[in-house]
């Protein structure tokens, strides 16, 4: 029987064979080595055993200065016990800590010859809509899957980038005019931010998955758009003072809503898509039903153009903004709250999912979070250097993302109680791009979709 000596890292492991004769030989050999070691002045000695083949045994004297590796029992005894009070304190500190910064997936619209005015994302993140000063509306089919919790965020982003590089384009897909069988080539295209453009194969051009549909019908610049809750319809508003309803299945214009006397600047659909609201340059806001082409309510009280509208989650109130913000009761068409504090025109407003807070942003880059119940400022930030175009709350209302004309995306921590403004900022990408960022939207898995217009 042979003795195996294994030297790994800094430890020597001995595997003994259960044999009495072998044990006796080992003990005699150890005595001889101890006698010879006492006569030497050096502290380290290495000897080769005849039964060990090519392996060497390091003398224990050389291991004296090495750190002691605790055994399993010693490690268990050295772990301090955590009391219930300490565990509760740890959980409280974790809840107070800021959330992890989201991943940013940015789309870029290149060669913008038509003047892109806005962008909106469908509720299932499957479609992207853009409006242009040329009165056209373009609808891209993304079909990007971000709803699977078992898929890692990195894989989702990689898959999104790969698919978007191929399918978000006008020029390569030859955008389709509604009501016409012919295709025309457009020089503009949408690619994923930071990715190189790879033309798709001929097979991909023949499928509807990679098509960009151009919706024509408005006679003026298209200022805003929104999807219904089930993404079956798209609402667009224009400089021609009308609102149009488009089907996302056959891409046809289903209805035209007229009533404003001037350009319609904003449109917003309620959670259940039964109502939608519009704001106009005629200083009024109106409440509509999808099944009727005339307004159900007219909200009069602003003395300046209404730049933005937003529904409360309970659908009983509508927020409208000019240089100040008003909260309207949809049943009685009267103003029940007024929020004043901005120094310029308010270009974006958004109500939180729990209905307790509202965020607003003005042309000077100031972002204010309001307590809706008391109409008092809850937080105030100088998030941007110029006009803010888009606001959105995270699904748990802990974060607020904003983007604007300065080409930056700012993510703010809404639950922070620190008096210092720097503690409220989770992410501020000042050098992200020099172009406008028209849209920033929270989606699943802590991801923010954004669109840049070159």
Protein backbone atom coordinates (compact mmCIF):
# COMPACT_ATOMS: atom_id res chain seq x y z
CA UNK A 1 0.00 0.00 0.00
CA UNK A 2 1.27 3.49 -0.84
CA UNK A 3 0.94 6.82 0.98
CA UNK A 4 -0.35 9.70 -1.10
CA UNK A 5 0.81 13.23 -0.28
CA UNK A 6 -1.20 16.00 -1.92
CA UNK A 7 0.05 19.60 -1.70
CA UNK A 8 -2.63 22.15 -2.70
CA UNK A 9 -2.34 25.89 -2.11
CA UNK A 10 -0.74 26.20 1.33
CA UNK A 11 -2.09 23.04 3.00
CA UNK A 12 -0.74 19.48 2.96
CA UNK A 13 -3.40 16.78 2.95
CA UNK A 14 -2.55 13.26 4.05
CA UNK A 15 -4.59 10.31 2.91
CA UNK A 16 -3.71 7.34 5.04
CA UNK A 17 -4.46 3.74 4.10
CA UNK A 18 -5.80 1.66 6.91
CA UNK A 19 -2.79 -0.57 7.34
CA UNK A 20 -0.91 -1.12 10.59
CA UNK A 21 2.44 -1.85 8.93
CA UNK A 22 2.28 1.31 6.85
CA UNK A 23 1.48 3.37 9.95
CA UNK A 24 4.50 1.97 11.81
CA UNK A 25 6.81 2.77 8.91
CA UNK A 26 5.48 6.31 8.80
CA UNK A 27 6.07 6.87 12.53
CA UNK A 28 9.69 5.63 12.31
CA UNK A 29 10.37 7.88 9.36
CA UNK A 30 8.88 10.87 11.21
CA UNK A 31 11.16 10.26 14.23
CA UNK A 32 14.24 10.23 12.02
CA UNK A 33 13.20 13.51 10.38
CA UNK A 34 12.62 15.21 13.75
CA UNK A 35 16.10 14.25 14.96
CA UNK A 36 17.79 15.54 11.82
CA UNK A 37 15.74 18.76 11.90
CA UNK A 38 17.00 19.67 15.39
CA UNK A 39 20.60 19.81 14.19
CA UNK A 40 19.95 22.23 11.36
CA UNK A 41 19.85 26.04 11.69
CA UNK A 42 17.39 26.58 8.90
CA UNK A 43 13.68 26.72 9.71
CA UNK A 44 12.47 25.04 6.54
CA UNK A 45 13.34 21.52 5.42
CA UNK A 46 11.95 19.46 2.55
CA UNK A 47 12.49 15.71 2.22
CA UNK A 48 11.29 13.20 -0.26
CA UNK A 49 9.60 10.03 0.98
CA UNK A 50 10.30 6.80 -0.85
CA UNK A 51 6.62 5.92 -0.85
CA UNK A 52 5.51 9.29 -2.16
CA UNK A 53 6.84 9.13 -5.68
CA UNK A 54 7.50 12.63 -7.08
CA UNK A 55 5.53 14.53 -4.41
CA UNK A 56 7.26 16.40 -1.55
CA UNK A 57 6.16 16.95 2.02
CA UNK A 58 6.64 20.41 3.52
CA UNK A 59 7.90 20.35 7.09
CA UNK A 60 5.38 21.65 9.70
CA UNK A 61 7.90 24.31 10.73
CA UNK A 62 7.39 26.05 7.38
CA UNK A 63 3.61 26.15 7.94
CA UNK A 64 3.86 27.81 11.33
CA UNK A 65 3.58 31.34 9.96
CA UNK A 66 0.70 30.60 7.60
CA UNK A 67 -2.84 31.70 8.54
CA UNK A 68 -4.90 29.11 10.32
CA UNK A 69 -7.89 27.80 8.40
CA UNK A 70 -10.76 27.27 10.87
CA UNK A 71 -12.61 24.01 10.87
CA UNK A 72 -16.32 23.78 10.29
CA UNK A 73 -17.12 23.68 14.01
CA UNK A 74 -14.82 26.62 14.73
CA UNK A 75 -16.39 28.67 11.96
CA UNK A 76 -19.88 28.01 13.29
CA UNK A 77 -18.82 29.00 16.80
CA UNK A 78 -17.19 32.24 15.60
CA UNK A 79 -20.32 33.57 13.82
CA UNK A 80 -22.02 36.16 16.05
CA UNK A 81 -25.65 35.62 16.87
CA UNK A 82 -28.07 38.18 15.36
CA UNK A 83 -30.82 39.33 17.65
CA UNK A 84 -34.32 40.12 16.48
CA UNK A 85 -33.79 43.83 17.05
CA UNK A 86 -30.61 43.80 14.95
CA UNK A 87 -32.38 41.95 12.14
CA UNK A 88 -35.19 44.49 12.15
CA UNK A 89 -32.69 47.35 12.01
CA UNK A 90 -30.98 45.74 9.01
CA UNK A 91 -34.32 45.40 7.20
CA UNK A 92 -35.20 49.04 7.92
CA UNK A 93 -31.86 50.23 6.52
CA UNK A 94 -32.35 48.10 3.41
CA UNK A 95 -35.77 49.61 2.81
CA UNK A 96 -34.36 53.12 3.19
CA UNK A 97 -31.48 52.49 0.81
CA UNK A 98 -31.97 53.80 -2.75
CA UNK A 99 -32.97 51.31 -5.45
CA UNK A 100 -30.61 50.05 -8.11
CA UNK A 101 -30.20 52.32 -11.12
CA UNK A 102 -32.22 51.08 -14.12
CA UNK A 103 -30.79 49.88 -17.42
CA UNK A 104 -31.23 52.32 -20.31
CA UNK A 105 -32.23 50.96 -23.72
CA UNK A 106 -32.11 53.83 -26.18
CA UNK A 107 -33.45 53.97 -29.70
CA UNK A 108 -32.03 56.53 -32.11
CA UNK A 109 -33.93 58.05 -35.01
CA UNK A 110 -31.33 59.06 -37.58
CA UNK A 111 -31.56 61.36 -40.60
CA UNK A 112 -34.61 63.16 -39.25
CA UNK A 113 -35.56 65.08 -42.38
CA UNK A 114 -39.26 65.30 -41.49
CA UNK A 115 -38.84 66.83 -38.03
CA UNK A 116 -39.77 64.35 -35.32
CA UNK A 117 -41.97 66.02 -32.70
CA UNK A 118 -42.69 63.24 -30.21
CA UNK A 119 -42.52 59.49 -29.54
CA UNK A 120 -44.72 57.11 -27.55
CA UNK A 121 -44.42 53.45 -26.57
CA UNK A 122 -47.25 50.93 -26.41
CA UNK A 123 -48.22 49.38 -23.09
CA UNK A 124 -46.81 45.96 -24.01
CA UNK A 125 -43.63 47.54 -25.41
CA UNK A 126 -44.40 45.97 -28.79
CA UNK A 127 -44.92 49.16 -30.83
CA UNK A 128 -43.21 52.52 -31.09
CA UNK A 129 -45.00 55.56 -32.54
CA UNK A 130 -43.47 58.77 -33.80
CA UNK A 131 -45.10 61.99 -35.00
CA UNK A 132 -43.57 64.42 -37.48
CA UNK A 133 -43.91 68.00 -38.62
CA UNK A 134 -44.66 66.66 -42.11
CA UNK A 135 -48.09 65.54 -40.74
CA UNK A 136 -47.20 61.84 -40.93
CA UNK A 137 -47.33 59.25 -38.18
CA UNK A 138 -44.97 56.26 -38.26
CA UNK A 139 -45.56 53.07 -36.35
CA UNK A 140 -42.80 50.50 -35.83
CA UNK A 141 -43.45 46.94 -34.72
CA UNK A 142 -40.85 46.14 -32.08
CA UNK A 143 -42.09 42.81 -30.75
CA UNK A 144 -39.46 42.84 -28.02
CA UNK A 145 -40.13 40.50 -25.10
CA UNK A 146 -39.34 41.99 -21.67
CA UNK A 147 -41.99 40.33 -19.57
CA UNK A 148 -40.31 37.02 -18.69
CA UNK A 149 -38.98 37.13 -15.15
CA UNK A 150 -36.81 34.05 -15.70
CA UNK A 151 -34.77 35.84 -18.37
CA UNK A 152 -31.87 37.89 -17.11
CA UNK A 153 -31.75 41.61 -17.78
CA UNK A 154 -28.54 41.34 -19.78
CA UNK A 155 -30.06 38.74 -22.08
CA UNK A 156 -33.15 40.90 -22.55
CA UNK A 157 -31.04 43.92 -23.50
CA UNK A 158 -28.87 41.86 -25.86
CA UNK A 159 -31.94 40.38 -27.53
CA UNK A 160 -33.55 43.81 -27.73
CA UNK A 161 -30.47 45.34 -29.31
CA UNK A 162 -30.14 42.52 -31.85
CA UNK A 163 -33.76 42.69 -32.94
CA UNK A 164 -34.01 46.48 -32.92
CA UNK A 165 -30.90 46.81 -35.05
CA UNK A 166 -32.71 44.86 -37.77
CA UNK A 167 -36.33 45.85 -37.54
CA UNK A 168 -36.56 49.54 -36.58
CA UNK A 169 -36.02 51.20 -39.90
CA UNK A 170 -37.79 53.13 -42.58
CA UNK A 171 -35.30 53.12 -45.39
CA UNK A 172 -34.54 49.42 -45.38
CA UNK A 173 -38.10 48.32 -44.75
CA UNK A 174 -39.63 50.69 -47.30
CA UNK A 175 -42.38 52.19 -45.15
CA UNK A 176 -45.92 51.34 -46.23
CA UNK A 177 -48.53 53.97 -46.98
CA UNK A 178 -51.96 53.14 -45.65
CA UNK A 179 -54.43 52.38 -48.41
CA UNK A 180 -51.73 51.88 -51.03
CA UNK A 181 -50.07 48.68 -52.18
CA UNK A 182 -46.91 50.44 -53.35
CA UNK A 183 -43.85 50.98 -51.20
CA UNK A 184 -41.65 54.02 -51.11
CA UNK A 185 -38.14 54.33 -49.75
CA UNK A 186 -37.43 56.68 -46.88
CA UNK A 187 -33.93 57.83 -45.98
CA UNK A 188 -34.58 57.99 -42.25
CA UNK A 189 -34.18 54.99 -40.00
CA UNK A 190 -34.25 53.96 -36.36
CA UNK A 191 -31.40 51.96 -34.85
CA UNK A 192 -30.41 51.01 -31.34
CA UNK A 193 -28.25 53.59 -29.60
CA UNK A 194 -24.57 52.73 -29.84
CA UNK A 195 -25.09 49.75 -32.18
CA UNK A 196 -23.99 49.48 -35.77
CA UNK A 197 -26.61 49.19 -38.44
CA UNK A 198 -26.86 45.76 -40.09
CA UNK A 199 -29.25 45.44 -43.06
CA UNK A 200 -31.68 42.53 -42.73
CA UNK A 201 -31.96 39.67 -45.14
CA UNK A 202 -34.36 39.63 -48.07
CA UNK A 203 -36.64 37.26 -46.17
CA UNK A 204 -37.07 39.73 -43.32
CA UNK A 205 -38.19 42.46 -45.72
CA UNK A 206 -41.10 40.32 -46.87
CA UNK A 207 -42.50 39.82 -43.36
CA UNK A 208 -44.74 42.26 -41.50
CA UNK A 209 -42.58 41.92 -38.43
CA UNK A 210 -39.98 44.33 -39.78
CA UNK A 211 -42.38 46.84 -41.39
CA UNK A 212 -42.72 50.48 -40.49
CA UNK A 213 -46.24 51.64 -41.26
CA UNK A 214 -46.83 55.27 -42.19
CA UNK A 215 -50.25 56.59 -41.19
CA UNK A 216 -51.37 59.52 -43.33
CA UNK A 217 -54.42 61.67 -42.68
CA UNK A 218 -53.48 64.75 -40.67
CA UNK A 219 -52.93 68.04 -42.49
CA UNK A 220 -50.56 69.56 -39.92
CA UNK A 221 -47.74 68.65 -37.59
CA UNK A 222 -48.53 65.77 -35.23
CA UNK A 223 -47.81 66.86 -31.65
CA UNK A 224 -48.71 63.87 -29.48
CA UNK A 225 -50.03 60.30 -29.50
CA UNK A 226 -51.07 57.57 -27.06
CA UNK A 227 -52.14 53.93 -27.18
CA UNK A 228 -55.28 52.46 -25.64
CA UNK A 229 -54.81 50.10 -22.70
CA UNK A 230 -54.97 46.98 -24.90
CA UNK A 231 -52.85 48.56 -27.70
CA UNK A 232 -55.56 47.87 -30.26
CA UNK A 233 -55.91 51.57 -31.18
CA UNK A 234 -53.70 54.63 -31.45
CA UNK A 235 -54.80 58.23 -30.82
CA UNK A 236 -52.93 61.11 -32.49
CA UNK A 237 -53.46 64.88 -32.22
CA UNK A 238 -52.32 67.49 -34.70
CA UNK A 239 -51.95 71.11 -35.64
CA UNK A 240 -55.08 70.73 -37.78
CA UNK A 241 -57.17 70.84 -34.52
CA UNK A 242 -58.34 67.22 -34.85
CA UNK A 243 -57.71 63.92 -33.10
CA UNK A 244 -57.61 60.70 -35.13
CA UNK A 245 -58.15 57.10 -34.05
CA UNK A 246 -56.05 54.47 -35.84
CA UNK A 247 -56.27 50.70 -35.69
CA UNK A 248 -52.98 48.95 -34.94
CA UNK A 249 -54.19 45.79 -36.70
CA UNK A 250 -55.05 47.05 -40.20
CA UNK A 251 -53.48 50.56 -39.78
CA UNK A 252 -56.63 52.34 -40.95
CA UNK A 253 -58.15 55.57 -39.66
CA UNK A 254 -61.30 54.63 -37.73
CA UNK A 255 -62.56 57.98 -36.43
CA UNK A 256 -61.92 61.75 -36.45
CA UNK A 257 -62.70 63.85 -33.37
CA UNK A 258 -63.28 67.55 -33.97
CA UNK A 259 -64.16 70.29 -31.49
CA UNK A 260 -61.07 72.35 -30.71
CA UNK A 261 -60.71 75.69 -32.44
CA UNK A 262 -56.91 75.56 -32.57
CA UNK A 263 -54.03 73.11 -32.57
CA UNK A 264 -54.33 70.10 -30.26
CA UNK A 265 -51.09 69.82 -28.31
CA UNK A 266 -51.64 66.78 -26.07
CA UNK A 267 -53.74 63.63 -25.82
CA UNK A 268 -53.99 61.07 -23.01
CA UNK A 269 -56.07 57.91 -22.67
CA UNK A 270 -57.56 56.65 -19.40
CA UNK A 271 -56.64 53.30 -17.87
CA UNK A 272 -59.66 51.50 -19.26
CA UNK A 273 -59.61 53.36 -22.59
CA UNK A 274 -63.22 54.43 -22.22
CA UNK A 275 -62.29 58.13 -22.03
CA UNK A 276 -59.47 60.22 -23.39
CA UNK A 277 -58.56 63.86 -22.76
CA UNK A 278 -57.00 66.53 -24.99
CA UNK A 279 -55.35 69.89 -24.44
CA UNK A 280 -55.24 72.63 -27.03
CA UNK A 281 -53.75 76.00 -27.90
CA UNK A 282 -57.28 77.40 -27.58
CA UNK A 283 -56.68 77.34 -23.75
CA UNK A 284 -59.24 74.57 -23.17
CA UNK A 285 -59.07 70.88 -22.35
CA UNK A 286 -61.78 68.43 -23.36
CA UNK A 287 -63.00 64.99 -22.29
CA UNK A 288 -63.96 62.50 -25.01
CA UNK A 289 -65.43 59.07 -25.46
CA UNK A 290 -64.01 56.75 -28.10
CA UNK A 291 -67.51 56.00 -29.39
CA UNK A 292 -68.52 59.65 -29.87
CA UNK A 293 -66.85 62.24 -32.09
CA UNK A 294 -67.91 65.22 -29.96
CA UNK A 295 -66.53 66.18 -26.50
CA UNK A 296 -68.36 65.14 -23.34
CA UNK A 297 -66.85 67.85 -21.13
CA UNK A 298 -65.04 71.14 -21.78
CA UNK A 299 -62.64 72.35 -19.08
CA UNK A 300 -62.36 76.16 -19.17
CA UNK A 301 -60.11 78.10 -16.82
CA UNK A 302 -56.64 78.36 -18.32
CA UNK A 303 -55.56 81.65 -19.86
CA UNK A 304 -52.67 80.12 -21.79
CA UNK A 305 -52.33 77.17 -24.19
CA UNK A 306 -52.68 73.78 -22.53
CA UNK A 307 -49.40 71.95 -23.12
CA UNK A 308 -50.01 68.62 -21.42
CA UNK A 309 -52.81 66.47 -19.99
CA UNK A 310 -52.78 63.40 -17.76
CA UNK A 311 -55.39 61.16 -16.14
CA UNK A 312 -55.51 60.23 -12.48
CA UNK A 313 -55.47 56.41 -12.02
CA UNK A 314 -59.06 56.43 -10.74
CA UNK A 315 -60.19 58.16 -13.99
CA UNK A 316 -62.25 60.66 -12.00
CA UNK A 317 -59.77 63.52 -12.40
CA UNK A 318 -57.79 65.06 -15.25
CA UNK A 319 -54.63 67.13 -14.87
CA UNK A 320 -53.95 69.96 -17.32
CA UNK A 321 -50.86 72.16 -17.51
CA UNK A 322 -49.85 75.54 -18.92
CA UNK A 323 -47.69 77.75 -16.65
CA UNK A 324 -49.56 76.20 -13.74
CA UNK A 325 -51.45 72.93 -13.30
CA UNK A 326 -55.14 72.39 -12.67
CA UNK A 327 -56.94 69.28 -11.46
CA UNK A 328 -60.43 68.83 -12.88
CA UNK A 329 -63.38 66.76 -11.73
CA UNK A 330 -64.56 64.85 -14.79
CA UNK A 331 -68.16 64.55 -13.54
CA UNK A 332 -68.79 68.23 -12.84
CA UNK A 333 -66.13 69.75 -15.16
CA UNK A 334 -64.82 72.06 -12.46
CA UNK A 335 -61.36 72.76 -11.10
CA UNK A 336 -60.73 71.22 -7.67
CA UNK A 337 -56.97 71.85 -7.28
CA UNK A 338 -54.40 74.29 -8.64
CA UNK A 339 -50.64 73.71 -8.45
CA UNK A 340 -48.46 76.82 -8.79
CA UNK A 341 -44.69 76.97 -8.53
CA UNK A 342 -43.13 76.71 -11.98
CA UNK A 343 -41.44 79.76 -13.46
CA UNK A 344 -42.13 78.83 -17.09
CA UNK A 345 -44.42 76.75 -19.25
CA UNK A 346 -45.02 73.19 -18.00
CA UNK A 347 -44.34 70.75 -20.84
CA UNK A 348 -44.82 67.38 -19.11
CA UNK A 349 -46.95 66.02 -16.25
CA UNK A 350 -47.37 62.48 -14.92
CA UNK A 351 -49.44 61.03 -12.05
CA UNK A 352 -47.97 58.20 -9.98
CA UNK A 353 -49.51 54.73 -10.09
CA UNK A 354 -50.79 54.98 -6.51
CA UNK A 355 -52.47 58.31 -7.28
CA UNK A 356 -50.81 60.17 -4.39
CA UNK A 357 -48.20 62.18 -6.27
CA UNK A 358 -47.84 64.08 -9.51
CA UNK A 359 -44.62 65.06 -11.29
CA UNK A 360 -44.33 68.10 -13.54
CA UNK A 361 -41.46 69.60 -15.54
CA UNK A 362 -41.08 72.99 -17.20
CA UNK A 363 -39.12 74.61 -20.00
CA UNK A 364 -36.21 75.48 -17.67
CA UNK A 365 -35.55 71.86 -16.66
CA UNK A 366 -37.14 72.12 -13.23
CA UNK A 367 -38.91 68.95 -12.00
CA UNK A 368 -41.40 69.17 -9.13
CA UNK A 369 -43.15 66.30 -7.35
CA UNK A 370 -46.48 67.35 -5.83
CA UNK A 371 -48.64 65.91 -3.08
CA UNK A 372 -52.01 65.75 -4.82
CA UNK A 373 -54.09 65.72 -1.63
CA UNK A 374 -52.67 69.05 -0.37
CA UNK A 375 -51.40 70.62 -3.64
CA UNK A 376 -48.04 71.22 -1.89
CA UNK A 377 -44.56 70.62 -3.28
CA UNK A 378 -43.17 67.30 -2.08
CA UNK A 379 -39.79 67.50 -3.84
CA UNK A 380 -38.12 69.88 -6.27
CA UNK A 381 -35.10 69.24 -8.48
CA UNK A 382 -33.10 71.07 -11.12
CA UNK A 383 -32.77 67.92 -13.20
CA UNK A 384 -32.06 69.43 -16.64
CA UNK A 385 -30.66 72.58 -18.22
CA UNK A 386 -33.54 73.17 -20.64
CA UNK A 387 -36.98 71.91 -21.57
CA UNK A 388 -38.14 68.49 -20.32
CA UNK A 389 -40.21 66.43 -22.75
CA UNK A 390 -41.02 63.23 -20.86
CA UNK A 391 -41.71 62.00 -17.32
CA UNK A 392 -42.52 58.54 -16.00
CA UNK A 393 -42.74 56.79 -12.63
CA UNK A 394 -41.36 53.32 -11.97
CA UNK A 395 -43.94 50.56 -11.31
CA UNK A 396 -43.47 50.90 -7.54
CA UNK A 397 -43.36 54.75 -7.68
CA UNK A 398 -39.93 54.80 -6.03
CA UNK A 399 -38.16 56.34 -9.04
CA UNK A 400 -38.93 59.07 -11.55
CA UNK A 401 -37.22 59.26 -14.94
CA UNK A 402 -37.08 62.45 -17.01
CA UNK A 403 -35.57 63.36 -20.38
CA UNK A 404 -35.45 66.46 -22.50
CA UNK A 405 -33.81 68.73 -25.01
CA UNK A 406 -30.40 68.70 -23.29
CA UNK A 407 -29.90 65.06 -24.30
CA UNK A 408 -29.70 63.69 -20.76
CA UNK A 409 -31.71 61.16 -18.76
CA UNK A 410 -32.17 61.76 -15.04
CA UNK A 411 -33.47 59.14 -12.59
CA UNK A 412 -34.62 60.53 -9.24
CA UNK A 413 -35.29 58.69 -5.97
CA UNK A 414 -38.73 59.84 -4.87
CA UNK A 415 -38.65 58.28 -1.37
CA UNK A 416 -35.42 59.93 -0.25
CA UNK A 417 -35.77 62.13 2.85
CA UNK A 418 -32.33 63.74 2.73
CA UNK A 419 -32.29 67.56 2.43
CA UNK A 420 -29.40 67.39 -0.07
CA UNK A 421 -30.40 67.31 -3.73
CA UNK A 422 -27.47 65.06 -4.64
CA UNK A 423 -28.89 62.26 -2.49
CA UNK A 424 -32.08 62.23 -4.56
CA UNK A 425 -30.35 61.60 -7.88
CA UNK A 426 -29.81 57.92 -8.72
CA UNK A 427 -28.50 58.52 -12.22
CA UNK A 428 -27.83 61.63 -14.29
CA UNK A 429 -26.36 60.99 -17.74
CA UNK A 430 -25.24 64.51 -18.67
CA UNK A 431 -22.97 63.34 -21.53
CA UNK A 432 -25.26 60.71 -23.02
CA UNK A 433 -25.96 62.53 -26.28
CA UNK A 434 -26.14 66.00 -27.77
CA UNK A 435 -29.51 65.33 -29.41
CA UNK A 436 -33.02 65.59 -28.01
CA UNK A 437 -34.44 62.66 -26.04
CA UNK A 438 -38.15 62.75 -26.78
CA UNK A 439 -39.27 59.76 -24.70
CA UNK A 440 -38.23 57.93 -21.53
CA UNK A 441 -40.45 55.15 -20.26
CA UNK A 442 -40.15 52.53 -17.51
CA UNK A 443 -40.82 48.95 -18.64
CA UNK A 444 -40.46 45.55 -16.96
CA UNK A 445 -37.31 44.31 -15.20
CA UNK A 446 -36.14 47.82 -14.20
CA UNK A 447 -35.46 48.90 -17.79
CA UNK A 448 -36.03 52.35 -19.27
CA UNK A 449 -36.79 52.72 -22.96
CA UNK A 450 -35.73 56.05 -24.46
CA UNK A 451 -35.73 57.53 -27.96
CA UNK A 452 -33.23 60.02 -29.32
CA UNK A 453 -33.93 62.15 -32.38
CA UNK A 454 -30.85 63.17 -34.35
